[in-house]
Amino acid sequence: MFDHFLWEVLICPVLVVFTIRYLADRLRPEAAAFLLVTSLTAAAVGCLVTLGAFTLKAVAELPLTASPLGISDAYVRADTAGEPWVSWLAVAMLLTAQIGLARVWRTHRRDTAYARRYTGLPTVDGQVVILDDDRAEAFAVPGGDGRIIVTTGMRAALDDTQYSALLAHERAHLRSRHHRLVLLAHLSAAVHPAFRLLTRHIDHLVERAADERAAAELGDRRGVARAIATAALVSDSTHRVGSLRMAPSSPDLSRAGAVPRRVASLITPRRNRPLLALVIPAAVAAFSLAWTAECVWDLGELLIAAQI
C-alpha cells in the first residue's frame, strides 16, 4: 500500500500546489476561482481518506487490537515492512488534520455568528446596512439575500462612483457565494501542510473575481481600481484590513500587499491563458480520487487476507 501513501500524501499535494500557484494569476479569475478550489478540495478529500485508511492499517498492526478481530498483525505489518514508519506517520498527520479542520470550522462558526448580528438591521435599499462608525469598513454578510455592511467612515471616504464600485464588488461576492469557496480552501489547507501555501492565492483569486464582475457591471475598470485603492488606504489608516473583504475576520494587514496587484490587473489586464489549462489540476484531482478508491479497496483486501 505504500505506493498509495506516496502518491496521495507526498506527490499529489505538491503537484496541486504547483499547478494552482502557476495558474491562479494566469486564468480568468471568475472561472478559475471555482474550478481551482474544486480541484484543491478533491485532492484534500483524497489525502484525508488515504490517511484514514493507513490509520486503520496502523490499528490492525497492533497485537492488542488485531487479535480480537481475528487478524494477523504480522501479516498486516509485512505489507509495508520496508517502510515501517508510514502507518504511524499517517496517524500523526490525520490527528493534525482533524485538529486543523476543527479550528477552521470553529472560526467559521464564530464569524457566522458575528455576521448574523447585522441581518436584522435596517437597510438602505433592501441589502445595504450603513453603520455609524468612523472606522473604514466594508464587507458582505452571506445568508438569505445577504447584506452589505458599510461604515459611515468608509462611505465618507468614497465618492459616488467609488461607492458604486464597492457595492458592486460586495454584491459579486454574495452572488457568486465566494464565502463557500474560501471556506473550502481553508478546510483543504487544514488537511495537508502543502495546501496551506494556497490560501492567500485563493483569497486573492476570489477578490479578483469580484473585481472583474464589478468592472463588468459598471463598465469602468479604472473606476473600480480607484475604489479598491482608496478603500485600502482608508482602511489601513484606521488600522483595519487593507483591502475590500468578504466577511468579518481577524485583522491581517499583511494582506494589504495584494491590493496593488488587484489594481494593476484592472488597469492593465494581462492576456489570460485558455481555460483548457484547468485540465491539469482537474486531472490530478480526479486521478487522486480514483487512486484513493483503490487504496481503500487494497486495505479491504489486505485485512481479509490477514484473517487468521
C-alpha atoms as a PDB file:
ATOM      1  CA  MET A   1       0.000   0.000   0.000  1.00  0.00           C
ATOM      2  CA  PHE A   2       2.984   2.313   0.271  1.00  0.00           C
ATOM      3  CA  ASP A   3       2.510   3.497  -3.312  1.00  0.00           C
ATOM      4  CA  HIS A   4      -0.865   4.961  -2.312  1.00  0.00           C
ATOM      5  CA  PHE A   5       0.714   6.930   0.521  1.00  0.00           C
ATOM      6  CA  LEU A   6       3.497   8.078  -1.791  1.00  0.00           C
ATOM      7  CA  TRP A   7       1.053   9.444  -4.357  1.00  0.00           C
ATOM      8  CA  GLU A   8      -1.765  10.786  -2.186  1.00  0.00           C
ATOM      9  CA  VAL A   9       0.265  12.299   0.646  1.00  0.00           C
ATOM     10  CA  LEU A  10       3.641  13.149  -0.868  1.00  0.00           C
ATOM     11  CA  ILE A  11       3.337  13.639  -4.632  1.00  0.00           C
ATOM     12  CA  CYS A  12      -0.236  14.764  -5.344  1.00  0.00           C
ATOM     13  CA  PRO A  13      -0.289  17.708  -2.869  1.00  0.00           C
ATOM     14  CA  VAL A  14       2.936  19.074  -4.353  1.00  0.00           C
ATOM     15  CA  LEU A  15       1.546  18.792  -7.893  1.00  0.00           C
ATOM     16  CA  VAL A  16      -1.689  20.502  -6.872  1.00  0.00           C
ATOM     17  CA  VAL A  17       0.155  23.338  -5.139  1.00  0.00           C
ATOM     18  CA  PHE A  18       2.467  23.859  -8.111  1.00  0.00           C
ATOM     19  CA  THR A  19      -0.308  23.915 -10.718  1.00  0.00           C
ATOM     20  CA  ILE A  20      -2.670  26.135  -8.733  1.00  0.00           C
ATOM     21  CA  ARG A  21       0.046  28.655  -7.862  1.00  0.00           C
ATOM     22  CA  TYR A  22       1.107  28.741 -11.502  1.00  0.00           C
ATOM     23  CA  LEU A  23      -2.411  29.109 -12.919  1.00  0.00           C
ATOM     24  CA  ALA A  24      -4.025  31.361 -10.307  1.00  0.00           C
ATOM     25  CA  ASP A  25      -2.884  34.631 -11.939  1.00  0.00           C
ATOM     26  CA  ARG A  26      -2.954  33.335 -15.499  1.00  0.00           C
ATOM     27  CA  LEU A  27      -6.645  32.488 -15.921  1.00  0.00           C
ATOM     28  CA  ARG A  28      -9.879  34.442 -15.873  1.00  0.00           C
ATOM     29  CA  PRO A  29     -10.486  34.712 -12.116  1.00  0.00           C
ATOM     30  CA  GLU A  30     -14.262  34.140 -12.296  1.00  0.00           C
ATOM     31  CA  ALA A  31     -13.910  30.606 -13.656  1.00  0.00           C
ATOM     32  CA  ALA A  32     -10.545  29.819 -12.105  1.00  0.00           C
ATOM     33  CA  ALA A  33     -11.740  30.504  -8.551  1.00  0.00           C
ATOM     34  CA  PHE A  34     -14.428  27.828  -8.714  1.00  0.00           C
ATOM     35  CA  LEU A  35     -12.502  25.225 -10.694  1.00  0.00           C
ATOM     36  CA  LEU A  36      -9.217  25.542  -8.802  1.00  0.00           C
ATOM     37  CA  VAL A  37     -10.932  25.344  -5.419  1.00  0.00           C
ATOM     38  CA  THR A  38     -12.854  22.292  -6.625  1.00  0.00           C
ATOM     39  CA  SER A  39      -9.601  20.606  -7.649  1.00  0.00           C
ATOM     40  CA  LEU A  40      -7.965  21.526  -4.346  1.00  0.00           C
ATOM     41  CA  THR A  41     -10.914  20.188  -2.350  1.00  0.00           C
ATOM     42  CA  ALA A  42     -10.932  16.900  -4.285  1.00  0.00           C
ATOM     43  CA  ALA A  43      -7.208  16.444  -3.662  1.00  0.00           C
ATOM     44  CA  ALA A  44      -7.689  17.211   0.041  1.00  0.00           C
ATOM     45  CA  VAL A  45     -10.520  14.660   0.314  1.00  0.00           C
ATOM     46  CA  GLY A  46      -8.333  12.037  -1.349  1.00  0.00           C
ATOM     47  CA  CYS A  47      -5.473  12.794   1.016  1.00  0.00           C
ATOM     48  CA  LEU A  48      -7.735  12.668   4.081  1.00  0.00           C
ATOM     49  CA  VAL A  49      -9.307   9.334   3.121  1.00  0.00           C
ATOM     50  CA  THR A  50      -5.873   7.859   2.428  1.00  0.00           C
ATOM     51  CA  LEU A  51      -4.643   8.979   5.845  1.00  0.00           C
ATOM     52  CA  GLY A  52      -7.724   7.369   7.354  1.00  0.00           C
ATOM     53  CA  ALA A  53      -7.010   4.098   5.534  1.00  0.00           C
ATOM     54  CA  PHE A  54      -3.427   3.992   6.764  1.00  0.00           C
ATOM     55  CA  THR A  55      -4.614   4.829  10.274  1.00  0.00           C
ATOM     56  CA  LEU A  56      -6.858   1.749  10.180  1.00  0.00           C
ATOM     57  CA  LYS A  57      -3.864  -0.221   8.966  1.00  0.00           C
ATOM     58  CA  ALA A  58      -1.844   1.088  11.916  1.00  0.00           C
ATOM     59  CA  VAL A  59      -4.552  -0.093  14.303  1.00  0.00           C
ATOM     60  CA  ALA A  60      -4.547  -3.522  12.645  1.00  0.00           C
ATOM     61  CA  GLU A  61      -0.784  -3.720  13.146  1.00  0.00           C
ATOM     62  CA  LEU A  62      -1.175  -3.740  16.926  1.00  0.00           C
ATOM     63  CA  PRO A  63      -1.499  -7.207  18.506  1.00  0.00           C
ATOM     64  CA  LEU A  64      -3.839  -5.774  21.134  1.00  0.00           C
ATOM     65  CA  THR A  65      -6.420  -4.772  18.512  1.00  0.00           C
ATOM     66  CA  ALA A  66      -5.688  -7.294  15.764  1.00  0.00           C
ATOM     67  CA  SER A  67      -6.164 -10.386  17.927  1.00  0.00           C
ATOM     68  CA  PRO A  68      -9.819  -9.710  18.924  1.00  0.00           C
ATOM     69  CA  LEU A  69     -10.605  -9.043  15.254  1.00  0.00           C
ATOM     70  CA  GLY A  70      -9.055 -12.329  14.182  1.00  0.00           C
ATOM     71  CA  ILE A  71      -6.382 -10.584  12.133  1.00  0.00           C
ATOM     72  CA  SER A  72      -2.689 -11.397  11.913  1.00  0.00           C
ATOM     73  CA  ASP A  73      -0.880  -8.204  12.915  1.00  0.00           C
ATOM     74  CA  ALA A  74       2.359  -9.588  11.492  1.00  0.00           C
ATOM     75  CA  TYR A  75       0.726 -10.071   8.082  1.00  0.00           C
ATOM     76  CA  VAL A  76      -0.571  -6.500   8.091  1.00  0.00           C
ATOM     77  CA  ARG A  77       2.819  -5.091   9.112  1.00  0.00           C
ATOM     78  CA  ALA A  78       4.534  -7.098   6.396  1.00  0.00           C
ATOM     79  CA  ASP A  79       2.690  -5.133   3.695  1.00  0.00           C
ATOM     80  CA  THR A  80       4.855  -2.084   4.425  1.00  0.00           C
ATOM     81  CA  ALA A  81       7.796  -3.866   6.047  1.00  0.00           C
ATOM     82  CA  GLY A  82      10.213  -1.718   4.063  1.00  0.00           C
ATOM     83  CA  GLU A  83       8.553   1.474   5.323  1.00  0.00           C
ATOM     84  CA  PRO A  84       7.513   0.667   8.912  1.00  0.00           C
ATOM     85  CA  TRP A  85       7.069   4.350   9.707  1.00  0.00           C
ATOM     86  CA  VAL A  86       4.385   5.056   7.125  1.00  0.00           C
ATOM     87  CA  SER A  87       1.322   3.913   9.103  1.00  0.00           C
ATOM     88  CA  TRP A  88       2.227   5.880  12.201  1.00  0.00           C
ATOM     89  CA  LEU A  89       3.141   8.978  10.219  1.00  0.00           C
ATOM     90  CA  ALA A  90      -0.352   8.737   8.728  1.00  0.00           C
ATOM     91  CA  VAL A  91      -1.834   8.583  12.235  1.00  0.00           C
ATOM     92  CA  ALA A  92       0.034  11.742  13.263  1.00  0.00           C
ATOM     93  CA  MET A  93      -0.957  13.565  10.070  1.00  0.00           C
ATOM     94  CA  LEU A  94      -4.595  12.528  10.437  1.00  0.00           C
ATOM     95  CA  LEU A  95      -4.738  13.803  14.016  1.00  0.00           C
ATOM     96  CA  THR A  96      -3.123  17.076  12.939  1.00  0.00           C
ATOM     97  CA  ALA A  97      -5.619  17.402  10.083  1.00  0.00           C
ATOM     98  CA  GLN A  98      -8.567  16.791  12.399  1.00  0.00           C
ATOM     99  CA  ILE A  99      -7.345  19.468  14.793  1.00  0.00           C
ATOM    100  CA  GLY A 100      -6.864  21.873  11.900  1.00  0.00           C
ATOM    101  CA  LEU A 101     -10.308  21.144  10.463  1.00  0.00           C
ATOM    102  CA  ALA A 102     -11.885  21.719  13.869  1.00  0.00           C
ATOM    103  CA  ARG A 103     -10.115  25.074  14.197  1.00  0.00           C
ATOM    104  CA  VAL A 104     -11.183  26.242  10.748  1.00  0.00           C
ATOM    105  CA  TRP A 105     -14.770  25.185  11.373  1.00  0.00           C
ATOM    106  CA  ARG A 106     -14.795  26.871  14.792  1.00  0.00           C
ATOM    107  CA  THR A 107     -13.544  30.105  13.217  1.00  0.00           C
ATOM    108  CA  HIS A 108     -16.214  29.809  10.523  1.00  0.00           C
ATOM    109  CA  ARG A 109     -18.938  29.350  13.114  1.00  0.00           C
ATOM    110  CA  ARG A 110     -17.615  32.311  15.107  1.00  0.00           C
ATOM    111  CA  ASP A 111     -17.568  34.566  12.053  1.00  0.00           C
ATOM    112  CA  THR A 112     -21.043  33.378  11.041  1.00  0.00           C
ATOM    113  CA  ALA A 113     -22.402  34.207  14.492  1.00  0.00           C
ATOM    114  CA  TYR A 114     -20.683  37.587  14.305  1.00  0.00           C
ATOM    115  CA  ALA A 115     -22.184  38.317  10.892  1.00  0.00           C
ATOM    116  CA  ARG A 116     -25.707  37.404  11.982  1.00  0.00           C
ATOM    117  CA  ARG A 117     -25.732  40.471  14.199  1.00  0.00           C
ATOM    118  CA  TYR A 118     -26.230  42.537  11.059  1.00  0.00           C
ATOM    119  CA  THR A 119     -29.018  40.582   9.386  1.00  0.00           C
ATOM    120  CA  GLY A 120     -31.779  42.242  11.391  1.00  0.00           C
ATOM    121  CA  LEU A 121     -30.573  45.816  10.978  1.00  0.00           C
ATOM    122  CA  PRO A 122     -32.500  48.248   8.754  1.00  0.00           C
ATOM    123  CA  THR A 123     -31.186  48.541   5.199  1.00  0.00           C
ATOM    124  CA  VAL A 124     -30.867  51.440   2.813  1.00  0.00           C
ATOM    125  CA  ASP A 125     -32.041  49.625  -0.309  1.00  0.00           C
ATOM    126  CA  GLY A 126     -33.013  46.192   0.975  1.00  0.00           C
ATOM    127  CA  GLN A 127     -29.418  44.965   1.171  1.00  0.00           C
ATOM    128  CA  VAL A 128     -27.002  47.694   2.307  1.00  0.00           C
ATOM    129  CA  VAL A 129     -26.618  48.395   6.007  1.00  0.00           C
ATOM    130  CA  ILE A 130     -24.922  51.669   6.995  1.00  0.00           C
ATOM    131  CA  LEU A 131     -23.194  51.501  10.377  1.00  0.00           C
ATOM    132  CA  ASP A 132     -22.361  54.647  12.325  1.00  0.00           C
ATOM    133  CA  ASP A 133     -18.640  54.001  12.777  1.00  0.00           C
ATOM    134  CA  ASP A 134     -15.643  56.227  11.992  1.00  0.00           C
ATOM    135  CA  ARG A 135     -13.546  53.211  11.017  1.00  0.00           C
ATOM    136  CA  ALA A 136     -13.491  52.470   7.301  1.00  0.00           C
ATOM    137  CA  GLU A 137     -15.057  49.046   6.815  1.00  0.00           C
ATOM    138  CA  ALA A 138     -16.997  47.275   4.089  1.00  0.00           C
ATOM    139  CA  PHE A 139     -17.848  43.594   3.844  1.00  0.00           C
ATOM    140  CA  ALA A 140     -20.515  41.197   2.669  1.00  0.00           C
ATOM    141  CA  VAL A 141     -22.547  39.013   5.023  1.00  0.00           C
ATOM    142  CA  PRO A 142     -23.800  35.817   3.323  1.00  0.00           C
ATOM    143  CA  GLY A 143     -27.045  34.091   4.216  1.00  0.00           C
ATOM    144  CA  GLY A 144     -30.544  34.641   2.851  1.00  0.00           C
ATOM    145  CA  ASP A 145     -30.460  37.560   0.461  1.00  0.00           C
ATOM    146  CA  GLY A 146     -27.191  38.679   2.009  1.00  0.00           C
ATOM    147  CA  ARG A 147     -26.219  42.010   3.493  1.00  0.00           C
ATOM    148  CA  ILE A 148     -23.539  44.521   2.577  1.00  0.00           C
ATOM    149  CA  ILE A 149     -22.163  46.341   5.587  1.00  0.00           C
ATOM    150  CA  VAL A 150     -20.624  49.774   5.051  1.00  0.00           C
ATOM    151  CA  THR A 151     -19.492  52.064   7.829  1.00  0.00           C
ATOM    152  CA  THR A 152     -20.011  55.812   7.710  1.00  0.00           C
ATOM    153  CA  GLY A 153     -16.228  56.142   7.765  1.00  0.00           C
ATOM    154  CA  MET A 154     -15.934  54.170   4.537  1.00  0.00           C
ATOM    155  CA  ARG A 155     -18.866  55.948   2.888  1.00  0.00           C
ATOM    156  CA  ALA A 156     -17.384  59.368   3.666  1.00  0.00           C
ATOM    157  CA  ALA A 157     -14.045  58.364   2.132  1.00  0.00           C
ATOM    158  CA  LEU A 158     -15.518  57.381  -1.238  1.00  0.00           C
ATOM    159  CA  ASP A 159     -17.151  59.460  -3.917  1.00  0.00           C
ATOM    160  CA  ASP A 160     -20.350  58.218  -5.558  1.00  0.00           C
ATOM    161  CA  THR A 161     -18.550  56.347  -8.348  1.00  0.00           C
ATOM    162  CA  GLN A 162     -16.190  54.628  -5.939  1.00  0.00           C
ATOM    163  CA  TYR A 163     -19.068  53.779  -3.622  1.00  0.00           C
ATOM    164  CA  SER A 164     -20.973  52.168  -6.502  1.00  0.00           C
ATOM    165  CA  ALA A 165     -17.862  50.135  -7.336  1.00  0.00           C
ATOM    166  CA  LEU A 166     -17.541  48.987  -3.738  1.00  0.00           C
ATOM    167  CA  LEU A 167     -21.179  47.850  -3.645  1.00  0.00           C
ATOM    168  CA  ALA A 168     -20.783  46.052  -6.975  1.00  0.00           C
ATOM    169  CA  HIS A 169     -17.705  44.259  -5.608  1.00  0.00           C
ATOM    170  CA  GLU A 170     -19.530  43.087  -2.489  1.00  0.00           C
ATOM    171  CA  ARG A 171     -22.618  42.052  -4.479  1.00  0.00           C
ATOM    172  CA  ALA A 172     -20.343  39.918  -6.640  1.00  0.00           C
ATOM    173  CA  HIS A 173     -19.130  38.115  -3.512  1.00  0.00           C
ATOM    174  CA  LEU A 174     -22.710  37.384  -2.481  1.00  0.00           C
ATOM    175  CA  ARG A 175     -23.974  36.310  -5.901  1.00  0.00           C
ATOM    176  CA  SER A 176     -21.023  34.011  -6.522  1.00  0.00           C
ATOM    177  CA  ARG A 177     -21.141  32.643  -2.945  1.00  0.00           C
ATOM    178  CA  HIS A 178     -17.441  33.248  -2.569  1.00  0.00           C
ATOM    179  CA  HIS A 179     -17.651  32.566   1.158  1.00  0.00           C
ATOM    180  CA  ARG A 180     -18.127  28.882   0.328  1.00  0.00           C
ATOM    181  CA  LEU A 181     -15.047  28.788  -1.875  1.00  0.00           C
ATOM    182  CA  VAL A 182     -12.959  30.466   0.813  1.00  0.00           C
ATOM    183  CA  LEU A 183     -14.222  28.032   3.460  1.00  0.00           C
ATOM    184  CA  LEU A 184     -13.440  25.013   1.267  1.00  0.00           C
ATOM    185  CA  ALA A 185      -9.956  26.352   0.571  1.00  0.00           C
ATOM    186  CA  HIS A 186      -9.211  26.845   4.256  1.00  0.00           C
ATOM    187  CA  LEU A 187     -10.627  23.441   5.189  1.00  0.00           C
ATOM    188  CA  SER A 188      -8.437  21.876   2.500  1.00  0.00           C
ATOM    189  CA  ALA A 189      -5.417  23.752   3.836  1.00  0.00           C
ATOM    190  CA  ALA A 190      -6.000  22.128   7.220  1.00  0.00           C
ATOM    191  CA  VAL A 191      -5.674  18.641   5.697  1.00  0.00           C
ATOM    192  CA  HIS A 192      -2.118  18.883   4.386  1.00  0.00           C
ATOM    193  CA  PRO A 193       0.728  21.326   5.180  1.00  0.00           C
ATOM    194  CA  ALA A 194       1.435  21.920   1.482  1.00  0.00           C
ATOM    195  CA  PHE A 195      -2.101  23.162   0.874  1.00  0.00           C
ATOM    196  CA  ARG A 196      -1.542  25.988   3.352  1.00  0.00           C
ATOM    197  CA  LEU A 197       0.627  27.650   0.730  1.00  0.00           C
ATOM    198  CA  LEU A 198      -2.508  28.185  -1.376  1.00  0.00           C
ATOM    199  CA  THR A 199      -4.868  30.019   0.986  1.00  0.00           C
ATOM    200  CA  ARG A 200      -3.646  33.504   0.121  1.00  0.00           C
ATOM    201  CA  HIS A 201      -3.681  32.658  -3.571  1.00  0.00           C
ATOM    202  CA  ILE A 202      -7.314  31.538  -3.335  1.00  0.00           C
ATOM    203  CA  ASP A 203      -8.273  34.568  -1.243  1.00  0.00           C
ATOM    204  CA  HIS A 204      -6.629  36.826  -3.828  1.00  0.00           C
ATOM    205  CA  LEU A 205      -8.301  34.969  -6.698  1.00  0.00           C
ATOM    206  CA  VAL A 206     -11.724  35.401  -5.090  1.00  0.00           C
ATOM    207  CA  GLU A 207     -11.128  39.125  -4.650  1.00  0.00           C
ATOM    208  CA  ARG A 208     -10.004  39.384  -8.274  1.00  0.00           C
ATOM    209  CA  ALA A 209     -13.159  37.572  -9.392  1.00  0.00           C
ATOM    210  CA  ALA A 210     -15.294  40.115  -7.519  1.00  0.00           C
ATOM    211  CA  ASP A 211     -13.235  42.970  -9.003  1.00  0.00           C
ATOM    212  CA  GLU A 212     -13.831  41.706 -12.533  1.00  0.00           C
ATOM    213  CA  ARG A 213     -17.575  41.290 -12.011  1.00  0.00           C
ATOM    214  CA  ALA A 214     -17.792  44.785 -10.554  1.00  0.00           C
ATOM    215  CA  ALA A 215     -15.861  46.193 -13.523  1.00  0.00           C
ATOM    216  CA  ALA A 216     -18.157  44.381 -15.962  1.00  0.00           C
ATOM    217  CA  GLU A 217     -21.270  45.607 -14.136  1.00  0.00           C
ATOM    218  CA  LEU A 218     -20.151  49.246 -14.094  1.00  0.00           C
ATOM    219  CA  GLY A 219     -18.236  49.223 -17.370  1.00  0.00           C
ATOM    220  CA  ASP A 220     -15.439  51.161 -15.703  1.00  0.00           C
ATOM    221  CA  ARG A 221     -12.276  49.234 -14.864  1.00  0.00           C
ATOM    222  CA  ARG A 222     -10.354  52.307 -13.730  1.00  0.00           C
ATOM    223  CA  GLY A 223     -13.213  53.401 -11.510  1.00  0.00           C
ATOM    224  CA  VAL A 224     -13.199  50.034  -9.736  1.00  0.00           C
ATOM    225  CA  ALA A 225      -9.405  50.205  -9.447  1.00  0.00           C
ATOM    226  CA  ARG A 226      -9.601  53.643  -7.834  1.00  0.00           C
ATOM    227  CA  ALA A 227     -12.266  52.405  -5.436  1.00  0.00           C
ATOM    228  CA  ILE A 228     -10.096  49.455  -4.384  1.00  0.00           C
ATOM    229  CA  ALA A 229      -7.057  51.661  -3.848  1.00  0.00           C
ATOM    230  CA  THR A 230      -8.989  54.310  -1.915  1.00  0.00           C
ATOM    231  CA  ALA A 231     -10.765  51.758   0.275  1.00  0.00           C
ATOM    232  CA  ALA A 232      -7.441  50.058   1.025  1.00  0.00           C
ATOM    233  CA  LEU A 233      -5.803  53.337   2.026  1.00  0.00           C
ATOM    234  CA  VAL A 234      -8.584  54.476   4.336  1.00  0.00           C
ATOM    235  CA  SER A 235      -8.934  51.000   5.838  1.00  0.00           C
ATOM    236  CA  ASP A 236      -5.212  50.883   6.551  1.00  0.00           C
ATOM    237  CA  SER A 237      -5.299  54.346   8.096  1.00  0.00           C
ATOM    238  CA  THR A 238      -7.932  53.205  10.587  1.00  0.00           C
ATOM    239  CA  HIS A 239      -5.859  50.122  11.479  1.00  0.00           C
ATOM    240  CA  ARG A 240      -8.139  47.646   9.806  1.00  0.00           C
ATOM    241  CA  VAL A 241      -7.723  45.198   6.927  1.00  0.00           C
ATOM    242  CA  GLY A 242      -6.123  46.907   3.949  1.00  0.00           C
ATOM    243  CA  SER A 243      -8.427  45.529   1.255  1.00  0.00           C
ATOM    244  CA  LEU A 244     -12.044  45.088   0.397  1.00  0.00           C
ATOM    245  CA  ARG A 245     -13.035  41.819   2.007  1.00  0.00           C
ATOM    246  CA  MET A 246     -15.828  39.334   2.001  1.00  0.00           C
ATOM    247  CA  ALA A 247     -16.702  38.813   5.650  1.00  0.00           C
ATOM    248  CA  PRO A 248     -15.571  39.943   9.105  1.00  0.00           C
ATOM    249  CA  SER A 249     -12.493  38.205  10.450  1.00  0.00           C
ATOM    250  CA  SER A 250      -9.347  38.911  12.424  1.00  0.00           C
ATOM    251  CA  PRO A 251      -7.340  41.878  11.069  1.00  0.00           C
ATOM    252  CA  ASP A 252      -4.437  40.822   8.842  1.00  0.00           C
ATOM    253  CA  LEU A 253      -2.646  43.860   7.497  1.00  0.00           C
ATOM    254  CA  SER A 254      -0.153  41.692   5.628  1.00  0.00           C
ATOM    255  CA  ARG A 255      -2.887  41.015   3.072  1.00  0.00           C
ATOM    256  CA  ALA A 256      -2.755  44.671   2.022  1.00  0.00           C
ATOM    257  CA  GLY A 257       0.098  43.726  -0.311  1.00  0.00           C
ATOM    258  CA  ALA A 258      -2.426  42.123  -2.640  1.00  0.00           C
ATOM    259  CA  VAL A 259      -4.143  45.441  -3.350  1.00  0.00           C
ATOM    260  CA  PRO A 260      -1.538  46.826  -5.793  1.00  0.00           C
ATOM    261  CA  ARG A 261      -1.729  43.564  -7.759  1.00  0.00           C
ATOM    262  CA  ARG A 262      -5.503  43.836  -7.979  1.00  0.00           C
ATOM    263  CA  VAL A 263      -5.314  47.461  -9.093  1.00  0.00           C
ATOM    264  CA  ALA A 264      -2.679  46.639 -11.706  1.00  0.00           C
ATOM    265  CA  SER A 265      -4.776  43.760 -13.044  1.00  0.00           C
ATOM    266  CA  LEU A 266      -7.731  46.086 -13.558  1.00  0.00           C
ATOM    267  CA  ILE A 267      -5.769  48.934 -15.140  1.00  0.00           C
ATOM    268  CA  THR A 268      -3.608  46.736 -17.356  1.00  0.00           C
ATOM    269  CA  PRO A 269      -5.320  43.362 -17.720  1.00  0.00           C
ATOM    270  CA  ARG A 270      -2.992  40.597 -18.808  1.00  0.00           C
ATOM    271  CA  ARG A 271      -3.781  38.119 -21.519  1.00  0.00           C
ATOM    272  CA  ASN A 272      -5.328  35.077 -19.881  1.00  0.00           C
ATOM    273  CA  ARG A 273      -4.459  31.522 -20.789  1.00  0.00           C
ATOM    274  CA  PRO A 274      -7.320  29.378 -22.139  1.00  0.00           C
ATOM    275  CA  LEU A 275      -9.414  27.568 -19.536  1.00  0.00           C
ATOM    276  CA  LEU A 276      -8.176  24.335 -21.064  1.00  0.00           C
ATOM    277  CA  ALA A 277      -5.197  24.767 -18.723  1.00  0.00           C
ATOM    278  CA  LEU A 278      -7.532  23.855 -15.855  1.00  0.00           C
ATOM    279  CA  VAL A 279      -7.477  20.295 -17.164  1.00  0.00           C
ATOM    280  CA  ILE A 280      -4.119  19.883 -15.406  1.00  0.00           C
ATOM    281  CA  PRO A 281      -5.221  20.358 -11.757  1.00  0.00           C
ATOM    282  CA  ALA A 282      -8.573  18.720 -12.506  1.00  0.00           C
ATOM    283  CA  ALA A 283      -6.830  15.638 -13.899  1.00  0.00           C
ATOM    284  CA  VAL A 284      -4.534  15.452 -10.879  1.00  0.00           C
ATOM    285  CA  ALA A 285      -7.506  15.696  -8.525  1.00  0.00           C
ATOM    286  CA  ALA A 286      -9.543  13.117 -10.463  1.00  0.00           C
ATOM    287  CA  PHE A 287      -6.658  10.671 -10.513  1.00  0.00           C
ATOM    288  CA  SER A 288      -6.174  11.304  -6.804  1.00  0.00           C
ATOM    289  CA  LEU A 289      -9.769  10.313  -6.046  1.00  0.00           C
ATOM    290  CA  ALA A 290      -9.505   7.206  -8.217  1.00  0.00           C
ATOM    291  CA  TRP A 291      -6.258   6.227  -6.524  1.00  0.00           C
ATOM    292  CA  THR A 292      -7.894   6.823  -3.142  1.00  0.00           C
ATOM    293  CA  ALA A 293     -10.703   4.415  -4.010  1.00  0.00           C
ATOM    294  CA  GLU A 294      -8.107   1.807  -4.938  1.00  0.00           C
ATOM    295  CA  CYS A 295      -6.308   2.440  -1.645  1.00  0.00           C
ATOM    296  CA  VAL A 296      -9.479   1.671   0.311  1.00  0.00           C
ATOM    297  CA  TRP A 297     -10.042  -1.426  -1.825  1.00  0.00           C
ATOM    298  CA  ASP A 298      -6.471  -2.609  -1.240  1.00  0.00           C
ATOM    299  CA  LEU A 299      -6.875  -2.097   2.505  1.00  0.00           C
ATOM    300  CA  GLY A 300     -10.003  -4.235   2.489  1.00  0.00           C
ATOM    301  CA  GLU A 301      -8.212  -6.984   0.579  1.00  0.00           C
ATOM    302  CA  LEU A 302      -5.262  -6.816   2.997  1.00  0.00           C
ATOM    303  CA  LEU A 303      -7.468  -7.151   6.069  1.00  0.00           C
ATOM    304  CA  ILE A 304      -9.380 -10.046   4.515  1.00  0.00           C
ATOM    305  CA  ALA A 305      -6.137 -11.822   3.597  1.00  0.00           C
ATOM    306  CA  ALA A 306      -4.808 -11.199   7.119  1.00  0.00           C
ATOM    307  CA  GLN A 307      -7.661 -13.035   8.816  1.00  0.00           C
ATOM    308  CA  ILE A 308      -6.462 -15.969  10.891  1.00  0.00           C
END
